[in-house]
PDB file of N, CA and C in Angstrom:
ATOM      1  N   MET A   1       8.748 -28.570 -12.115  1.00  0.00           N
ATOM      2  CA  MET A   1       7.486 -27.990 -11.699  1.00  0.00           C
ATOM      3  C   MET A   1       6.656 -27.747 -12.960  1.00  0.00           C
ATOM      4  N   SER A   2       5.431 -28.210 -12.939  1.00  0.00           N
ATOM      5  CA  SER A   2       4.569 -28.054 -14.115  1.00  0.00           C
ATOM      6  C   SER A   2       4.035 -26.628 -14.209  1.00  0.00           C
ATOM      7  N   SER A   3       3.481 -26.319 -15.361  1.00  0.00           N
ATOM      8  CA  SER A   3       2.941 -24.985 -15.588  1.00  0.00           C
ATOM      9  C   SER A   3       1.774 -24.695 -14.645  1.00  0.00           C
ATOM     10  N   ALA A   4       0.953 -25.716 -14.379  1.00  0.00           N
ATOM     11  CA  ALA A   4      -0.191 -25.526 -13.483  1.00  0.00           C
ATOM     12  C   ALA A   4       0.282 -25.256 -12.044  1.00  0.00           C
ATOM     13  N   GLN A   5       1.306 -25.973 -11.611  1.00  0.00           N
ATOM     14  CA  GLN A   5       1.847 -25.755 -10.270  1.00  0.00           C
ATOM     15  C   GLN A   5       2.475 -24.378 -10.169  1.00  0.00           C
ATOM     16  N   ARG A   6       3.188 -23.966 -11.225  1.00  0.00           N
ATOM     17  CA  ARG A   6       3.812 -22.644 -11.237  1.00  0.00           C
ATOM     18  C   ARG A   6       2.741 -21.561 -11.205  1.00  0.00           C
ATOM     19  N   PHE A   7       1.625 -21.787 -11.931  1.00  0.00           N
ATOM     20  CA  PHE A   7       0.520 -20.831 -11.916  1.00  0.00           C
ATOM     21  C   PHE A   7      -0.083 -20.720 -10.511  1.00  0.00           C
ATOM     22  N   LEU A   8      -0.313 -21.844  -9.859  1.00  0.00           N
ATOM     23  CA  LEU A   8      -0.898 -21.818  -8.514  1.00  0.00           C
ATOM     24  C   LEU A   8       0.046 -21.172  -7.500  1.00  0.00           C
ATOM     25  N   LEU A   9       1.341 -21.418  -7.643  1.00  0.00           N
ATOM     26  CA  LEU A   9       2.317 -20.757  -6.770  1.00  0.00           C
ATOM     27  C   LEU A   9       2.295 -19.255  -7.004  1.00  0.00           C
ATOM     28  N   GLY A  10       2.259 -18.849  -8.266  1.00  0.00           N
ATOM     29  CA  GLY A  10       2.178 -17.433  -8.596  1.00  0.00           C
ATOM     30  C   GLY A  10       0.899 -16.807  -8.077  1.00  0.00           C
ATOM     31  N   LEU A  11      -0.201 -17.541  -8.178  1.00  0.00           N
ATOM     32  CA  LEU A  11      -1.477 -17.047  -7.672  1.00  0.00           C
ATOM     33  C   LEU A  11      -1.420 -16.843  -6.159  1.00  0.00           C
ATOM     34  N   ALA A  12      -0.840 -17.797  -5.454  1.00  0.00           N
ATOM     35  CA  ALA A  12      -0.738 -17.678  -3.996  1.00  0.00           C
ATOM     36  C   ALA A  12       0.177 -16.521  -3.594  1.00  0.00           C
ATOM     37  N   LEU A  13       1.326 -16.414  -4.243  1.00  0.00           N
ATOM     38  CA  LEU A  13       2.254 -15.334  -3.900  1.00  0.00           C
ATOM     39  C   LEU A  13       1.711 -13.971  -4.319  1.00  0.00           C
ATOM     40  N   GLY A  14       1.038 -13.922  -5.463  1.00  0.00           N
ATOM     41  CA  GLY A  14       0.421 -12.674  -5.906  1.00  0.00           C
ATOM     42  C   GLY A  14      -0.682 -12.223  -4.969  1.00  0.00           C
ATOM     43  N   THR A  15      -1.474 -13.169  -4.492  1.00  0.00           N
ATOM     44  CA  THR A  15      -2.538 -12.846  -3.541  1.00  0.00           C
ATOM     45  C   THR A  15      -1.954 -12.337  -2.228  1.00  0.00           C
ATOM     46  N   ALA A  16      -0.890 -12.978  -1.775  1.00  0.00           N
ATOM     47  CA  ALA A  16      -0.246 -12.530  -0.539  1.00  0.00           C
ATOM     48  C   ALA A  16       0.339 -11.132  -0.699  1.00  0.00           C
ATOM     49  N   ALA A  17       0.995 -10.889  -1.832  1.00  0.00           N
ATOM     50  CA  ALA A  17       1.570  -9.566  -2.069  1.00  0.00           C
ATOM     51  C   ALA A  17       0.477  -8.501  -2.164  1.00  0.00           C
ATOM     52  N   ALA A  18      -0.619  -8.833  -2.827  1.00  0.00           N
ATOM     53  CA  ALA A  18      -1.733  -7.884  -2.947  1.00  0.00           C
ATOM     54  C   ALA A  18      -2.363  -7.597  -1.591  1.00  0.00           C
ATOM     55  N   ALA A  19      -2.530  -8.637  -0.781  1.00  0.00           N
ATOM     56  CA  ALA A  19      -3.137  -8.450   0.538  1.00  0.00           C
ATOM     57  C   ALA A  19      -2.258  -7.565   1.428  1.00  0.00           C
ATOM     58  N   ILE A  20      -0.964  -7.819   1.416  1.00  0.00           N
ATOM     59  CA  ILE A  20      -0.050  -7.006   2.223  1.00  0.00           C
ATOM     60  C   ILE A  20      -0.051  -5.561   1.741  1.00  0.00           C
ATOM     61  N   THR A  21      -0.020  -5.380   0.424  1.00  0.00           N
ATOM     62  CA  THR A  21      -0.038  -4.026  -0.138  1.00  0.00           C
ATOM     63  C   THR A  21      -1.317  -3.300   0.222  1.00  0.00           C
ATOM     64  N   TRP A  22      -2.435  -3.998   0.139  1.00  0.00           N
ATOM     65  CA  TRP A  22      -3.732  -3.385   0.442  1.00  0.00           C
ATOM     66  C   TRP A  22      -3.829  -3.000   1.920  1.00  0.00           C
ATOM     67  N   ILE A  23      -3.315  -3.870   2.797  1.00  0.00           N
ATOM     68  CA  ILE A  23      -3.343  -3.580   4.229  1.00  0.00           C
ATOM     69  C   ILE A  23      -2.476  -2.360   4.549  1.00  0.00           C
ATOM     70  N   VAL A  24      -1.297  -2.289   3.934  1.00  0.00           N
ATOM     71  CA  VAL A  24      -0.364  -1.210   4.235  1.00  0.00           C
ATOM     72  C   VAL A  24      -0.806   0.108   3.615  1.00  0.00           C
ATOM     73  N   THR A  25      -1.229   0.086   2.345  1.00  0.00           N
ATOM     74  CA  THR A  25      -1.528   1.333   1.642  1.00  0.00           C
ATOM     75  C   THR A  25      -3.013   1.670   1.602  1.00  0.00           C
ATOM     76  N   GLY A  26      -3.869   0.664   1.628  1.00  0.00           N
ATOM     77  CA  GLY A  26      -5.303   0.900   1.519  1.00  0.00           C
ATOM     78  C   GLY A  26      -5.761   1.221   0.107  1.00  0.00           C
ATOM     79  N   THR A  27      -4.891   1.011  -0.871  1.00  0.00           N
ATOM     80  CA  THR A  27      -5.200   1.309  -2.258  1.00  0.00           C
ATOM     81  C   THR A  27      -5.436   0.009  -3.019  1.00  0.00           C
ATOM     82  N   ALA A  28      -6.675  -0.202  -3.445  1.00  0.00           N
ATOM     83  CA  ALA A  28      -7.019  -1.449  -4.118  1.00  0.00           C
ATOM     84  C   ALA A  28      -6.362  -1.551  -5.501  1.00  0.00           C
ATOM     85  N   GLU A  29      -6.254  -0.437  -6.213  1.00  0.00           N
ATOM     86  CA  GLU A  29      -5.671  -0.481  -7.551  1.00  0.00           C
ATOM     87  C   GLU A  29      -4.194  -0.867  -7.510  1.00  0.00           C
ATOM     88  N   LEU A  30      -3.464  -0.308  -6.574  1.00  0.00           N
ATOM     89  CA  LEU A  30      -2.050  -0.647  -6.419  1.00  0.00           C
ATOM     90  C   LEU A  30      -1.895  -2.108  -6.016  1.00  0.00           C
ATOM     91  N   ALA A  31      -2.746  -2.569  -5.120  1.00  0.00           N
ATOM     92  CA  ALA A  31      -2.684  -3.955  -4.675  1.00  0.00           C
ATOM     93  C   ALA A  31      -2.976  -4.904  -5.841  1.00  0.00           C
ATOM     94  N   LEU A  32      -3.957  -4.574  -6.666  1.00  0.00           N
ATOM     95  CA  LEU A  32      -4.283  -5.406  -7.820  1.00  0.00           C
ATOM     96  C   LEU A  32      -3.132  -5.434  -8.818  1.00  0.00           C
ATOM     97  N   ALA A  33      -2.563  -4.280  -9.101  1.00  0.00           N
ATOM     98  CA  ALA A  33      -1.452  -4.213 -10.052  1.00  0.00           C
ATOM     99  C   ALA A  33      -0.250  -5.013  -9.558  1.00  0.00           C
ATOM    100  N   LEU A  34       0.084  -4.879  -8.291  1.00  0.00           N
ATOM    101  CA  LEU A  34       1.221  -5.603  -7.739  1.00  0.00           C
ATOM    102  C   LEU A  34       0.947  -7.106  -7.700  1.00  0.00           C
ATOM    103  N   GLY A  35      -0.251  -7.490  -7.295  1.00  0.00           N
ATOM    104  CA  GLY A  35      -0.606  -8.906  -7.252  1.00  0.00           C
ATOM    105  C   GLY A  35      -0.540  -9.564  -8.614  1.00  0.00           C
ATOM    106  N   LEU A  36      -1.059  -8.888  -9.643  1.00  0.00           N
ATOM    107  CA  LEU A  36      -1.005  -9.442 -10.996  1.00  0.00           C
ATOM    108  C   LEU A  36       0.420  -9.502 -11.526  1.00  0.00           C
ATOM    109  N   THR A  37       1.223  -8.508 -11.176  1.00  0.00           N
ATOM    110  CA  THR A  37       2.619  -8.511 -11.603  1.00  0.00           C
ATOM    111  C   THR A  37       3.357  -9.698 -11.002  1.00  0.00           C
ATOM    112  N   VAL A  38       3.172  -9.938  -9.719  1.00  0.00           N
ATOM    113  CA  VAL A  38       3.822 -11.081  -9.066  1.00  0.00           C
ATOM    114  C   VAL A  38       3.323 -12.385  -9.682  1.00  0.00           C
ATOM    115  N   LEU A  39       2.028 -12.496  -9.919  1.00  0.00           N
ATOM    116  CA  LEU A  39       1.460 -13.701 -10.526  1.00  0.00           C
ATOM    117  C   LEU A  39       2.131 -14.006 -11.857  1.00  0.00           C
ATOM    118  N   PHE A  40       2.194 -13.023 -12.741  1.00  0.00           N
ATOM    119  CA  PHE A  40       2.758 -13.262 -14.062  1.00  0.00           C
ATOM    120  C   PHE A  40       4.263 -13.487 -14.027  1.00  0.00           C
ATOM    121  N   LEU A  41       4.979 -12.807 -13.139  1.00  0.00           N
ATOM    122  CA  LEU A  41       6.425 -13.017 -13.056  1.00  0.00           C
ATOM    123  C   LEU A  41       6.764 -14.413 -12.544  1.00  0.00           C
ATOM    124  N   VAL A  42       6.004 -14.911 -11.583  1.00  0.00           N
ATOM    125  CA  VAL A  42       6.255 -16.265 -11.087  1.00  0.00           C
ATOM    126  C   VAL A  42       5.840 -17.288 -12.135  1.00  0.00           C
ATOM    127  N   TRP A  43       4.682 -17.077 -12.756  1.00  0.00           N
ATOM    128  CA  TRP A  43       4.166 -18.022 -13.732  1.00  0.00           C
ATOM    129  C   TRP A  43       5.076 -18.107 -14.960  1.00  0.00           C
ATOM    130  N   LEU A  44       5.560 -16.980 -15.432  1.00  0.00           N
ATOM    131  CA  LEU A  44       6.393 -16.958 -16.632  1.00  0.00           C
ATOM    132  C   LEU A  44       7.879 -16.880 -16.315  1.00  0.00           C
ATOM    133  N   GLY A  45       8.234 -16.961 -15.057  1.00  0.00           N
ATOM    134  CA  GLY A  45       9.618 -16.830 -14.645  1.00  0.00           C
ATOM    135  C   GLY A  45      10.537 -17.867 -15.254  1.00  0.00           C
ATOM    136  N   LYS A  46      10.057 -19.057 -15.455  1.00  0.00           N
ATOM    137  CA  LYS A  46      10.865 -20.105 -16.055  1.00  0.00           C
ATOM    138  C   LYS A  46      11.291 -19.694 -17.466  1.00  0.00           C
ATOM    139  N   PHE A  47      10.380 -19.157 -18.236  1.00  0.00           N
ATOM    140  CA  PHE A  47      10.693 -18.746 -19.598  1.00  0.00           C
ATOM    141  C   PHE A  47      11.604 -17.525 -19.618  1.00  0.00           C
ATOM    142  N   ILE A  48      11.390 -16.609 -18.688  1.00  0.00           N
ATOM    143  CA  ILE A  48      12.227 -15.402 -18.616  1.00  0.00           C
ATOM    144  C   ILE A  48      13.657 -15.799 -18.254  1.00  0.00           C
ATOM    145  N   LEU A  49      13.822 -16.689 -17.276  1.00  0.00           N
ATOM    146  CA  LEU A  49      15.161 -17.119 -16.867  1.00  0.00           C
ATOM    147  C   LEU A  49      15.853 -17.893 -17.971  1.00  0.00           C
ATOM    148  N   ASP A  50      15.120 -18.711 -18.720  1.00  0.00           N
ATOM    149  CA  ASP A  50      15.723 -19.458 -19.830  1.00  0.00           C
ATOM    150  C   ASP A  50      16.281 -18.512 -20.885  1.00  0.00           C
ATOM    151  N   GLU A  51      15.574 -17.417 -21.142  1.00  0.00           N
ATOM    152  CA  GLU A  51      16.030 -16.453 -22.136  1.00  0.00           C
ATOM    153  C   GLU A  51      17.245 -15.655 -21.631  1.00  0.00           C
ATOM    154  N   LEU A  52      17.282 -15.367 -20.328  1.00  0.00           N
ATOM    155  CA  LEU A  52      18.389 -14.582 -19.780  1.00  0.00           C
ATOM    156  C   LEU A  52      19.655 -15.409 -19.621  1.00  0.00           C
ATOM    157  N   LEU A  53      19.492 -16.686 -19.330  1.00  0.00           N
ATOM    158  CA  LEU A  53      20.662 -17.546 -19.117  1.00  0.00           C
ATOM    159  C   LEU A  53      20.981 -18.234 -20.397  1.00  0.00           C
TER     160      LEU A  53
END
């Protein structure tokens, strides 16, 4: 999976996580923080896993 594909997957999953969080809690700041966290963890997950394994 290329870096661009991983970024787009992270963007989609981060957006979904943010939307669900916003619907459930109604807090935009929490939704933004969670969405960005998911985005970066998916996008950089390959590098994080390489370092851990």
